[in-house]
């Protein structure tokens, strides 16, 4: 992941709280292009736009608690921004008796019969900052990019952890296209 992709204006947005209309539009964007329900989990594929809105949530806290009180959270979000040919998903489990901390197995995207493995990031101090959310990182090779871009292959998301095995229905074309836009074009050799 790139630590230099969030520039100073991103951090300065903590002073610029989004309006209700902006939050509503963002909610529609998440539903249409970023959010997947997978069993009792809600998965959001993060990008610059989604992380920017997470910072907006911190802006509300900073107005009352002071900017210095949220610096650690800002640094955590900055570290999360995925680089080229990477996708990052936040995974929040919203069911009684099921904890996202139990997600220690495998995550995957599958394009037809082509498996694109993901890894759950190690639990860190950032996990305690944000709450009960796990983060899954997917690194794409040239073959993975080609498989994901092949719309004749259904693209699904799955988790295989002890006691937590789910695979989604094929991703909606709007979600798939949004993720492909994040990944960028394949490298030319």
C-alpha atoms as a PDB file:
ATOM      1  CA  UNK A   1       0.000   0.000   0.000  1.00  0.00           C
ATOM      2  CA  UNK A   2       1.152   3.514  -0.680  1.00  0.00           C
ATOM      3  CA  UNK A   3       1.691   5.735   2.304  1.00  0.00           C
ATOM      4  CA  UNK A   4       2.130   8.811   0.134  1.00  0.00           C
ATOM      5  CA  UNK A   5      -1.172   8.669  -1.736  1.00  0.00           C
ATOM      6  CA  UNK A   6      -3.103  10.635   0.862  1.00  0.00           C
ATOM      7  CA  UNK A   7      -1.881  14.166   0.501  1.00  0.00           C
ATOM      8  CA  UNK A   8      -2.156  16.971   3.037  1.00  0.00           C
ATOM      9  CA  UNK A   9      -5.482  18.279   1.652  1.00  0.00           C
ATOM     10  CA  UNK A  10      -7.002  14.903   2.574  1.00  0.00           C
ATOM     11  CA  UNK A  11      -6.000  15.403   6.186  1.00  0.00           C
ATOM     12  CA  UNK A  12      -7.111  19.042   6.127  1.00  0.00           C
ATOM     13  CA  UNK A  13     -10.642  17.969   5.231  1.00  0.00           C
ATOM     14  CA  UNK A  14     -11.194  17.270   8.871  1.00  0.00           C
ATOM     15  CA  UNK A  15     -12.221  20.941   9.056  1.00  0.00           C
ATOM     16  CA  UNK A  16     -14.727  20.530   6.197  1.00  0.00           C
ATOM     17  CA  UNK A  17     -17.622  18.382   7.425  1.00  0.00           C
ATOM     18  CA  UNK A  18     -19.824  16.883   4.704  1.00  0.00           C
ATOM     19  CA  UNK A  19     -23.420  18.022   4.364  1.00  0.00           C
ATOM     20  CA  UNK A  20     -26.397  15.717   4.832  1.00  0.00           C
ATOM     21  CA  UNK A  21     -26.902  15.639   1.042  1.00  0.00           C
ATOM     22  CA  UNK A  22     -23.290  14.555   0.537  1.00  0.00           C
ATOM     23  CA  UNK A  23     -23.709  11.745   3.072  1.00  0.00           C
ATOM     24  CA  UNK A  24     -26.900  10.636   1.334  1.00  0.00           C
ATOM     25  CA  UNK A  25     -25.194  10.579  -2.071  1.00  0.00           C
ATOM     26  CA  UNK A  26     -22.284   8.681  -0.533  1.00  0.00           C
ATOM     27  CA  UNK A  27     -24.684   6.125   0.933  1.00  0.00           C
ATOM     28  CA  UNK A  28     -26.184   5.573  -2.519  1.00  0.00           C
ATOM     29  CA  UNK A  29     -22.675   5.205  -3.990  1.00  0.00           C
ATOM     30  CA  UNK A  30     -21.794   2.582  -1.353  1.00  0.00           C
ATOM     31  CA  UNK A  31     -24.960   0.590  -2.052  1.00  0.00           C
ATOM     32  CA  UNK A  32     -24.554   0.782  -5.833  1.00  0.00           C
ATOM     33  CA  UNK A  33     -20.781   0.349  -6.220  1.00  0.00           C
ATOM     34  CA  UNK A  34     -18.931  -0.699  -3.060  1.00  0.00           C
ATOM     35  CA  UNK A  35     -21.003  -2.655  -0.519  1.00  0.00           C
ATOM     36  CA  UNK A  36     -21.549  -6.428  -0.542  1.00  0.00           C
ATOM     37  CA  UNK A  37     -23.474  -8.440   1.999  1.00  0.00           C
ATOM     38  CA  UNK A  38     -21.881 -11.777   2.732  1.00  0.00           C
ATOM     39  CA  UNK A  39     -23.751 -13.768   5.336  1.00  0.00           C
ATOM     40  CA  UNK A  40     -23.869 -11.643   8.491  1.00  0.00           C
ATOM     41  CA  UNK A  41     -20.953  -9.509   7.214  1.00  0.00           C
ATOM     42  CA  UNK A  42     -21.115  -6.197   5.452  1.00  0.00           C
ATOM     43  CA  UNK A  43     -18.116  -5.728   3.160  1.00  0.00           C
ATOM     44  CA  UNK A  44     -17.116  -2.362   1.731  1.00  0.00           C
ATOM     45  CA  UNK A  45     -14.373  -2.196  -0.863  1.00  0.00           C
ATOM     46  CA  UNK A  46     -12.518   0.920   0.189  1.00  0.00           C
ATOM     47  CA  UNK A  47     -10.997   3.562  -2.049  1.00  0.00           C
ATOM     48  CA  UNK A  48      -9.990   7.196  -1.733  1.00  0.00           C
ATOM     49  CA  UNK A  49     -13.626   8.319  -1.777  1.00  0.00           C
ATOM     50  CA  UNK A  50     -14.820   5.919   0.946  1.00  0.00           C
ATOM     51  CA  UNK A  51     -11.842   6.657   3.184  1.00  0.00           C
ATOM     52  CA  UNK A  52     -12.435  10.395   2.694  1.00  0.00           C
ATOM     53  CA  UNK A  53     -15.926   9.956   4.114  1.00  0.00           C
ATOM     54  CA  UNK A  54     -14.551   7.995   7.053  1.00  0.00           C
ATOM     55  CA  UNK A  55     -12.391  11.054   7.740  1.00  0.00           C
ATOM     56  CA  UNK A  56     -15.545  13.169   7.571  1.00  0.00           C
ATOM     57  CA  UNK A  57     -16.938  11.092  10.424  1.00  0.00           C
ATOM     58  CA  UNK A  58     -13.791  11.862  12.392  1.00  0.00           C
ATOM     59  CA  UNK A  59     -14.322  15.566  11.671  1.00  0.00           C
ATOM     60  CA  UNK A  60     -17.412  15.519  13.825  1.00  0.00           C
ATOM     61  CA  UNK A  61     -15.428  14.017  16.701  1.00  0.00           C
ATOM     62  CA  UNK A  62     -12.589  16.499  16.179  1.00  0.00           C
ATOM     63  CA  UNK A  63     -14.942  19.462  16.447  1.00  0.00           C
ATOM     64  CA  UNK A  64     -15.751  18.441  20.012  1.00  0.00           C
ATOM     65  CA  UNK A  65     -12.636  16.598  21.161  1.00  0.00           C
ATOM     66  CA  UNK A  66      -9.947  18.497  19.238  1.00  0.00           C
ATOM     67  CA  UNK A  67      -7.924  17.597  16.162  1.00  0.00           C
ATOM     68  CA  UNK A  68      -5.071  16.112  18.200  1.00  0.00           C
ATOM     69  CA  UNK A  69      -7.456  13.480  19.619  1.00  0.00           C
ATOM     70  CA  UNK A  70      -8.027  11.957  16.147  1.00  0.00           C
ATOM     71  CA  UNK A  71      -4.489  12.026  14.708  1.00  0.00           C
ATOM     72  CA  UNK A  72      -3.995   8.313  15.417  1.00  0.00           C
ATOM     73  CA  UNK A  73      -7.186   7.428  13.534  1.00  0.00           C
ATOM     74  CA  UNK A  74      -6.143   9.645  10.613  1.00  0.00           C
ATOM     75  CA  UNK A  75      -2.792   7.893  10.416  1.00  0.00           C
ATOM     76  CA  UNK A  76      -4.591   4.533  10.431  1.00  0.00           C
ATOM     77  CA  UNK A  77      -6.855   5.541   7.541  1.00  0.00           C
ATOM     78  CA  UNK A  78      -3.879   6.909   5.631  1.00  0.00           C
ATOM     79  CA  UNK A  79      -2.108   3.559   5.965  1.00  0.00           C
ATOM     80  CA  UNK A  80      -5.155   1.752   4.559  1.00  0.00           C
ATOM     81  CA  UNK A  81      -5.367   3.414   1.143  1.00  0.00           C
ATOM     82  CA  UNK A  82      -4.667   0.594  -1.332  1.00  0.00           C
ATOM     83  CA  UNK A  83      -2.104   0.953  -4.088  1.00  0.00           C
ATOM     84  CA  UNK A  84      -2.282   0.092  -7.773  1.00  0.00           C
ATOM     85  CA  UNK A  85      -3.476  -3.466  -8.497  1.00  0.00           C
ATOM     86  CA  UNK A  86      -4.744  -3.828  -4.925  1.00  0.00           C
ATOM     87  CA  UNK A  87      -8.207  -3.824  -3.397  1.00  0.00           C
ATOM     88  CA  UNK A  88      -8.926  -3.350   0.276  1.00  0.00           C
ATOM     89  CA  UNK A  89     -12.173  -4.411   1.900  1.00  0.00           C
ATOM     90  CA  UNK A  90     -13.454  -3.528   5.345  1.00  0.00           C
ATOM     91  CA  UNK A  91     -15.434  -6.381   6.861  1.00  0.00           C
ATOM     92  CA  UNK A  92     -17.932  -5.702   9.635  1.00  0.00           C
ATOM     93  CA  UNK A  93     -19.982  -8.557  11.046  1.00  0.00           C
ATOM     94  CA  UNK A  94     -23.345  -7.476  12.354  1.00  0.00           C
ATOM     95  CA  UNK A  95     -24.784 -10.542  14.012  1.00  0.00           C
ATOM     96  CA  UNK A  96     -24.985 -11.640  17.605  1.00  0.00           C
ATOM     97  CA  UNK A  97     -22.498 -14.303  18.513  1.00  0.00           C
ATOM     98  CA  UNK A  98     -20.361 -13.739  15.398  1.00  0.00           C
ATOM     99  CA  UNK A  99     -17.247 -11.614  15.693  1.00  0.00           C
ATOM    100  CA  UNK A 100     -15.096 -10.243  12.866  1.00  0.00           C
ATOM    101  CA  UNK A 101     -12.088 -11.205  14.972  1.00  0.00           C
ATOM    102  CA  UNK A 102     -12.929 -14.797  14.009  1.00  0.00           C
ATOM    103  CA  UNK A 103     -12.102 -13.987  10.408  1.00  0.00           C
ATOM    104  CA  UNK A 104      -8.621 -15.437  10.360  1.00  0.00           C
ATOM    105  CA  UNK A 105      -8.888 -17.794   7.417  1.00  0.00           C
ATOM    106  CA  UNK A 106      -8.968 -17.007   3.724  1.00  0.00           C
ATOM    107  CA  UNK A 107     -10.685 -14.313   1.738  1.00  0.00           C
ATOM    108  CA  UNK A 108     -11.001 -14.616  -2.017  1.00  0.00           C
ATOM    109  CA  UNK A 109     -12.456 -13.174  -5.147  1.00  0.00           C
ATOM    110  CA  UNK A 110     -13.285 -15.774  -7.758  1.00  0.00           C
ATOM    111  CA  UNK A 111     -13.713 -14.939 -11.447  1.00  0.00           C
ATOM    112  CA  UNK A 112     -15.209 -18.096 -12.914  1.00  0.00           C
ATOM    113  CA  UNK A 113     -12.712 -20.773 -11.896  1.00  0.00           C
ATOM    114  CA  UNK A 114      -9.851 -18.269 -11.368  1.00  0.00           C
ATOM    115  CA  UNK A 115      -9.158 -17.676  -7.661  1.00  0.00           C
ATOM    116  CA  UNK A 116      -7.765 -14.319  -6.489  1.00  0.00           C
ATOM    117  CA  UNK A 117      -6.660 -14.827  -2.881  1.00  0.00           C
ATOM    118  CA  UNK A 118      -6.975 -12.159  -0.253  1.00  0.00           C
ATOM    119  CA  UNK A 119      -5.435 -11.932   3.186  1.00  0.00           C
ATOM    120  CA  UNK A 120      -6.865 -10.543   6.374  1.00  0.00           C
ATOM    121  CA  UNK A 121      -4.528  -7.889   7.694  1.00  0.00           C
ATOM    122  CA  UNK A 122      -3.017  -8.487  11.098  1.00  0.00           C
ATOM    123  CA  UNK A 123      -4.995  -7.134  13.991  1.00  0.00           C
ATOM    124  CA  UNK A 124      -3.341  -3.909  15.048  1.00  0.00           C
ATOM    125  CA  UNK A 125      -3.978  -0.876  17.172  1.00  0.00           C
ATOM    126  CA  UNK A 126      -5.956   0.483  14.256  1.00  0.00           C
ATOM    127  CA  UNK A 127      -8.524  -2.261  14.643  1.00  0.00           C
ATOM    128  CA  UNK A 128      -9.229  -1.067  18.180  1.00  0.00           C
ATOM    129  CA  UNK A 129      -9.517   2.513  16.951  1.00  0.00           C
ATOM    130  CA  UNK A 130     -12.132   1.816  14.342  1.00  0.00           C
ATOM    131  CA  UNK A 131     -14.067  -0.874  16.131  1.00  0.00           C
ATOM    132  CA  UNK A 132     -14.954  -4.415  15.247  1.00  0.00           C
ATOM    133  CA  UNK A 133     -13.818  -4.299  11.650  1.00  0.00           C
ATOM    134  CA  UNK A 134     -11.352  -6.559   9.871  1.00  0.00           C
ATOM    135  CA  UNK A 135      -9.555  -5.578   6.694  1.00  0.00           C
ATOM    136  CA  UNK A 136      -8.894  -7.892   3.736  1.00  0.00           C
ATOM    137  CA  UNK A 137      -6.281  -7.047   1.103  1.00  0.00           C
ATOM    138  CA  UNK A 138      -6.329  -8.457  -2.434  1.00  0.00           C
ATOM    139  CA  UNK A 139      -3.206  -8.182  -4.608  1.00  0.00           C
ATOM    140  CA  UNK A 140      -3.815  -8.671  -8.339  1.00  0.00           C
ATOM    141  CA  UNK A 141      -1.339 -10.203 -10.762  1.00  0.00           C
ATOM    142  CA  UNK A 142      -1.727  -9.594 -14.498  1.00  0.00           C
ATOM    143  CA  UNK A 143      -3.641 -12.908 -14.765  1.00  0.00           C
ATOM    144  CA  UNK A 144      -5.908 -11.891 -11.873  1.00  0.00           C
ATOM    145  CA  UNK A 145      -6.640  -8.535 -13.537  1.00  0.00           C
ATOM    146  CA  UNK A 146      -7.478 -10.239 -16.826  1.00  0.00           C
ATOM    147  CA  UNK A 147      -9.798 -12.738 -15.111  1.00  0.00           C
ATOM    148  CA  UNK A 148     -11.574 -10.013 -13.124  1.00  0.00           C
ATOM    149  CA  UNK A 149     -12.020  -7.930 -16.285  1.00  0.00           C
ATOM    150  CA  UNK A 150     -13.542 -10.861 -18.214  1.00  0.00           C
ATOM    151  CA  UNK A 151     -17.259 -10.176 -17.846  1.00  0.00           C
ATOM    152  CA  UNK A 152     -18.112 -13.654 -19.145  1.00  0.00           C
ATOM    153  CA  UNK A 153     -16.830 -14.996 -15.795  1.00  0.00           C
ATOM    154  CA  UNK A 154     -19.024 -14.295 -12.765  1.00  0.00           C
ATOM    155  CA  UNK A 155     -17.055 -12.499 -10.030  1.00  0.00           C
ATOM    156  CA  UNK A 156     -17.850 -13.524  -6.444  1.00  0.00           C
ATOM    157  CA  UNK A 157     -16.435 -12.706  -3.018  1.00  0.00           C
ATOM    158  CA  UNK A 158     -15.911 -15.400  -0.409  1.00  0.00           C
ATOM    159  CA  UNK A 159     -14.578 -16.028   3.093  1.00  0.00           C
ATOM    160  CA  UNK A 160     -13.413 -19.342   4.426  1.00  0.00           C
ATOM    161  CA  UNK A 161     -12.644 -19.097   8.130  1.00  0.00           C
ATOM    162  CA  UNK A 162     -13.340 -21.587  10.898  1.00  0.00           C
ATOM    163  CA  UNK A 163     -17.078 -21.305  11.519  1.00  0.00           C
ATOM    164  CA  UNK A 164     -17.527 -18.624   8.837  1.00  0.00           C
ATOM    165  CA  UNK A 165     -17.800 -19.858   5.253  1.00  0.00           C
ATOM    166  CA  UNK A 166     -19.726 -17.697   2.805  1.00  0.00           C
ATOM    167  CA  UNK A 167     -19.600 -16.875  -0.880  1.00  0.00           C
ATOM    168  CA  UNK A 168     -21.585 -14.045  -2.434  1.00  0.00           C
ATOM    169  CA  UNK A 169     -23.835 -14.098  -5.421  1.00  0.00           C
ATOM    170  CA  UNK A 170     -22.077 -12.773  -8.567  1.00  0.00           C
ATOM    171  CA  UNK A 171     -21.173  -9.142  -8.027  1.00  0.00           C
ATOM    172  CA  UNK A 172     -23.420  -6.594  -9.656  1.00  0.00           C
ATOM    173  CA  UNK A 173     -21.854  -5.077 -12.812  1.00  0.00           C
ATOM    174  CA  UNK A 174     -21.744  -1.627 -11.139  1.00  0.00           C
ATOM    175  CA  UNK A 175     -19.709  -3.057  -8.240  1.00  0.00           C
ATOM    176  CA  UNK A 176     -17.431  -4.987 -10.577  1.00  0.00           C
ATOM    177  CA  UNK A 177     -16.797  -1.956 -12.798  1.00  0.00           C
ATOM    178  CA  UNK A 178     -16.094   0.227  -9.763  1.00  0.00           C
ATOM    179  CA  UNK A 179     -13.525  -2.284  -8.484  1.00  0.00           C
ATOM    180  CA  UNK A 180     -11.912  -2.587 -11.919  1.00  0.00           C
ATOM    181  CA  UNK A 181     -11.593   1.202 -12.074  1.00  0.00           C
ATOM    182  CA  UNK A 182      -9.749   1.094  -8.727  1.00  0.00           C
ATOM    183  CA  UNK A 183      -7.336  -1.537  -9.995  1.00  0.00           C
ATOM    184  CA  UNK A 184      -6.257   0.466 -13.029  1.00  0.00           C
ATOM    185  CA  UNK A 185      -5.186  -0.952 -16.368  1.00  0.00           C
ATOM    186  CA  UNK A 186      -2.970  -4.052 -16.510  1.00  0.00           C
ATOM    187  CA  UNK A 187       0.757  -3.463 -16.868  1.00  0.00           C
ATOM    188  CA  UNK A 188       1.950  -3.667 -20.435  1.00  0.00           C
ATOM    189  CA  UNK A 189       4.901  -5.969 -21.060  1.00  0.00           C
END
